[in-house]
C-alpha atoms as a PDB file:
ATOM      1  CA  MET A   1      -0.056  -0.154   0.236  1.00  0.00           C
ATOM      2  CA  LEU A   2       1.214   3.545  -0.837  1.00  0.00           C
ATOM      3  CA  THR A   3       0.023   6.447   0.988  1.00  0.00           C
ATOM      4  CA  PHE A   4       0.732  10.107   0.417  1.00  0.00           C
ATOM      5  CA  VAL A   5       0.346  12.180   3.482  1.00  0.00           C
ATOM      6  CA  GLU A   6       0.099  16.239   3.789  1.00  0.00           C
ATOM      7  CA  HIS A   7       1.908  17.751   6.628  1.00  0.00           C
ATOM      8  CA  LEU A   8      -0.726  19.517   8.424  1.00  0.00           C
ATOM      9  CA  PRO A   9      -0.525  19.125  12.356  1.00  0.00           C
ATOM     10  CA  SER A  10      -3.911  17.204  12.654  1.00  0.00           C
ATOM     11  CA  GLN A  11      -3.202  15.104   9.767  1.00  0.00           C
ATOM     12  CA  GLN A  12       0.232  14.130  10.953  1.00  0.00           C
ATOM     13  CA  TRP A  13      -1.409  13.077  14.237  1.00  0.00           C
ATOM     14  CA  SER A  14      -3.656  10.894  12.902  1.00  0.00           C
ATOM     15  CA  VAL A  15      -1.812   9.291  10.385  1.00  0.00           C
ATOM     16  CA  GLY A  16       0.768   8.838  13.483  1.00  0.00           C
ATOM     17  CA  LEU A  17      -1.810   7.156  15.343  1.00  0.00           C
ATOM     18  CA  PHE A  18      -3.052   4.723  12.291  1.00  0.00           C
ATOM     19  CA  ILE A  19       0.453   3.885  12.165  1.00  0.00           C
ATOM     20  CA  ALA A  20       0.619   2.908  15.715  1.00  0.00           C
ATOM     21  CA  ALA A  21      -2.722   0.975  15.790  1.00  0.00           C
ATOM     22  CA  TYR A  22      -1.348  -1.049  12.522  1.00  0.00           C
ATOM     23  CA  VAL A  23       2.054  -1.823  14.240  1.00  0.00           C
ATOM     24  CA  VAL A  24       0.271  -2.905  17.268  1.00  0.00           C
ATOM     25  CA  CYS A  25      -2.195  -4.809  15.797  1.00  0.00           C
ATOM     26  CA  VAL A  26      -0.792  -6.374  12.547  1.00  0.00           C
ATOM     27  CA  PRO A  27       1.882  -8.824  13.619  1.00  0.00           C
ATOM     28  CA  ASN A  28       4.820  -9.602  10.971  1.00  0.00           C
ATOM     29  CA  SER A  29       4.244  -6.358   9.206  1.00  0.00           C
ATOM     30  CA  GLU A  30       7.025  -3.757   8.375  1.00  0.00           C
ATOM     31  CA  GLN A  31       6.042   0.060   7.465  1.00  0.00           C
ATOM     32  CA  SER A  32       8.204   2.709   5.787  1.00  0.00           C
ATOM     33  CA  ILE A  33       7.785   6.320   6.454  1.00  0.00           C
ATOM     34  CA  PHE A  34       9.529   8.359   3.600  1.00  0.00           C
ATOM     35  CA  SER A  35       9.758  12.177   5.173  1.00  0.00           C
ATOM     36  CA  THR A  36      11.255  15.148   3.250  1.00  0.00           C
ATOM     37  CA  GLY A  37      13.973  15.564   5.962  1.00  0.00           C
ATOM     38  CA  LYS A  38      15.715  14.027   9.134  1.00  0.00           C
ATOM     39  CA  ARG A  39      14.002  16.266  11.612  1.00  0.00           C
ATOM     40  CA  ALA A  40      10.367  15.183   9.971  1.00  0.00           C
ATOM     41  CA  SER A  41      11.497  11.854  10.375  1.00  0.00           C
ATOM     42  CA  SER A  42      12.379  11.853  13.651  1.00  0.00           C
ATOM     43  CA  LYS A  43       9.256  13.877  14.734  1.00  0.00           C
ATOM     44  CA  MET A  44       6.954  11.305  12.865  1.00  0.00           C
ATOM     45  CA  LEU A  45       8.435   8.165  14.793  1.00  0.00           C
ATOM     46  CA  GLU A  46       8.724  10.051  18.041  1.00  0.00           C
ATOM     47  CA  LEU A  47       5.169  10.640  17.759  1.00  0.00           C
ATOM     48  CA  ILE A  48       4.096   7.055  16.758  1.00  0.00           C
ATOM     49  CA  LYS A  49       6.351   5.620  19.635  1.00  0.00           C
ATOM     50  CA  GLY A  50       4.474   7.911  21.971  1.00  0.00           C
ATOM     51  CA  PHE A  51       0.934   6.079  20.889  1.00  0.00           C
ATOM     52  CA  VAL A  52       2.630   2.883  20.900  1.00  0.00           C
ATOM     53  CA  ALA A  53       4.087   3.517  24.391  1.00  0.00           C
ATOM     54  CA  LYS A  54       0.337   4.309  25.721  1.00  0.00           C
ATOM     55  CA  VAL A  55      -0.750   0.626  25.016  1.00  0.00           C
ATOM     56  CA  ALA A  56       2.166  -1.564  24.657  1.00  0.00           C
ATOM     57  CA  SER A  57       5.413  -0.049  26.178  1.00  0.00           C
ATOM     58  CA  ASP A  58       6.534  -3.547  27.180  1.00  0.00           C
ATOM     59  CA  ARG A  59       6.330  -4.745  24.078  1.00  0.00           C
ATOM     60  CA  ILE A  60       8.682  -2.203  22.379  1.00  0.00           C
ATOM     61  CA  THR A  61      12.259  -4.089  21.793  1.00  0.00           C
ATOM     62  CA  LYS A  62      14.104  -1.167  19.755  1.00  0.00           C
ATOM     63  CA  SER A  63      13.434   2.371  19.460  1.00  0.00           C
ATOM     64  CA  ASN A  64      15.797   4.853  17.788  1.00  0.00           C
ATOM     65  CA  ALA A  65      15.646   7.607  15.202  1.00  0.00           C
ATOM     66  CA  GLU A  66      15.009   5.518  12.255  1.00  0.00           C
ATOM     67  CA  VAL A  67      13.135   2.514  13.859  1.00  0.00           C
ATOM     68  CA  LEU A  68      10.784   1.327  15.849  1.00  0.00           C
ATOM     69  CA  VAL A  69      10.391  -2.442  16.692  1.00  0.00           C
ATOM     70  CA  LEU A  70       7.441  -3.842  18.379  1.00  0.00           C
ATOM     71  CA  ARG A  71       7.276  -7.642  19.668  1.00  0.00           C
ATOM     72  CA  HIS A  72       4.063  -9.269  19.380  1.00  0.00           C
ATOM     73  CA  LYS A  73       2.473 -12.071  22.178  1.00  0.00           C
ATOM     74  CA  ASN A  74       2.943 -14.965  19.319  1.00  0.00           C
ATOM     75  CA  GLY A  75       6.586 -13.883  19.151  1.00  0.00           C
ATOM     76  CA  GLU A  76       6.148 -12.335  16.195  1.00  0.00           C
ATOM     77  CA  LYS A  77       8.058  -8.488  15.176  1.00  0.00           C
ATOM     78  CA  SER A  78       6.561  -5.485  13.537  1.00  0.00           C
ATOM     79  CA  LEU A  79       8.821  -2.545  12.488  1.00  0.00           C
ATOM     80  CA  VAL A  80       8.291   1.063  11.629  1.00  0.00           C
ATOM     81  CA  ASN A  81      11.227   2.504   9.519  1.00  0.00           C
ATOM     82  CA  SER A  82      11.209   6.466   9.348  1.00  0.00           C
ATOM     83  CA  TYR A  83      13.936   8.059   6.746  1.00  0.00           C
ATOM     84  CA  PRO A  84      14.519  11.193   5.379  1.00  0.00           C
ATOM     85  CA  ALA A  85      13.954  11.198   1.210  1.00  0.00           C
ATOM     86  CA  ALA A  86      17.397  10.881  -0.066  1.00  0.00           C
ATOM     87  CA  SER A  87      17.508   8.369  -2.911  1.00  0.00           C
ATOM     88  CA  LYS A  88      20.787   7.407  -2.737  1.00  0.00           C
ATOM     89  CA  THR A  89      20.883   5.996   0.700  1.00  0.00           C
ATOM     90  CA  LEU A  90      17.492   4.220   0.325  1.00  0.00           C
ATOM     91  CA  ARG A  91      17.477   1.518  -2.115  1.00  0.00           C
ATOM     92  CA  GLY A  92      17.148  -1.665   0.004  1.00  0.00           C
ATOM     93  CA  SER A  93      14.770  -0.385   1.931  1.00  0.00           C
ATOM     94  CA  GLY A  94      10.740  -1.426   1.741  1.00  0.00           C
ATOM     95  CA  GLY A  95       7.825  -2.694   3.576  1.00  0.00           C
ATOM     96  CA  ASP A  96       4.490  -3.779   3.485  1.00  0.00           C
ATOM     97  CA  VAL A  97       2.866  -0.037   3.629  1.00  0.00           C
ATOM     98  CA  LEU A  98       4.841   2.744   2.281  1.00  0.00           C
ATOM     99  CA  TRP A  99       4.462   6.090   3.576  1.00  0.00           C
ATOM    100  CA  LEU A 100       5.282   9.259   1.804  1.00  0.00           C
ATOM    101  CA  GLU A 101       4.969  12.615   4.210  1.00  0.00           C
ATOM    102  CA  GLU A 102       4.637  15.395   2.146  1.00  0.00           C
ATOM    103  CA  ALA A 103       5.223  13.635  -1.322  1.00  0.00           C
ATOM    104  CA  ALA A 104       4.948  16.856  -3.252  1.00  0.00           C
ATOM    105  CA  PHE A 105       8.130  18.059  -1.735  1.00  0.00           C
ATOM    106  CA  MET A 106      10.231  15.106  -2.082  1.00  0.00           C
ATOM    107  CA  PRO A 107      12.469  14.987  -4.950  1.00  0.00           C
ATOM    108  CA  PRO A 108      11.155  12.758  -8.197  1.00  0.00           C
ATOM    109  CA  SER A 109      14.465  10.681  -7.856  1.00  0.00           C
ATOM    110  CA  LEU A 110      13.056   9.436  -4.596  1.00  0.00           C
ATOM    111  CA  PHE A 111       9.942   8.238  -6.400  1.00  0.00           C
ATOM    112  CA  PHE A 112      11.397   6.958  -9.261  1.00  0.00           C
ATOM    113  CA  GLU A 113      14.529   5.254  -8.069  1.00  0.00           C
ATOM    114  CA  VAL A 114      13.034   3.957  -4.713  1.00  0.00           C
ATOM    115  CA  VAL A 115       9.324   3.816  -4.354  1.00  0.00           C
ATOM    116  CA  LEU A 116       8.635   3.172  -7.635  1.00  0.00           C
ATOM    117  CA  PRO A 117      10.604  -0.525  -7.389  1.00  0.00           C
ATOM    118  CA  LEU A 118       9.206  -1.130  -4.314  1.00  0.00           C
ATOM    119  CA  LEU A 119       5.567  -1.206  -5.604  1.00  0.00           C
ATOM    120  CA  GLU A 120       6.818  -4.197  -7.942  1.00  0.00           C
ATOM    121  CA  VAL A 121       7.510  -6.214  -4.796  1.00  0.00           C
ATOM    122  CA  GLU A 122       4.886  -8.651  -3.845  1.00  0.00           C
ATOM    123  CA  LYS A 123       5.033  -8.202  -0.065  1.00  0.00           C
ATOM    124  CA  THR A 124       4.551  -3.973  -0.751  1.00  0.00           C
ATOM    125  CA  ARG A 125       0.958  -3.521  -0.263  1.00  0.00           C
END
């Protein structure tokens, strides 16, 4: 799945809540968020971690500026990756769900070199 997100505070908040709900409820899933810059990607992941911590803080196994890993009760893990938009460093990234935060402000090379090839991968929805 490919989702485009605007960067209004209320929309960012609702998207963060949806991503948090998905990571908590869907075992063995991977979501990747592509933001316009490092600060935006860090803030989005921080927001998501805050939501997840309210309901499943004991299940967070790893959390840093780029990744949040959650362990489910059945032992499976779910991941949320958050990256600044730089096509040179993002090749090889992926996920079940891709989020493009402020896609209108991202370089076209990111879409054509990173996102488009990911949509060809069977696992990406």
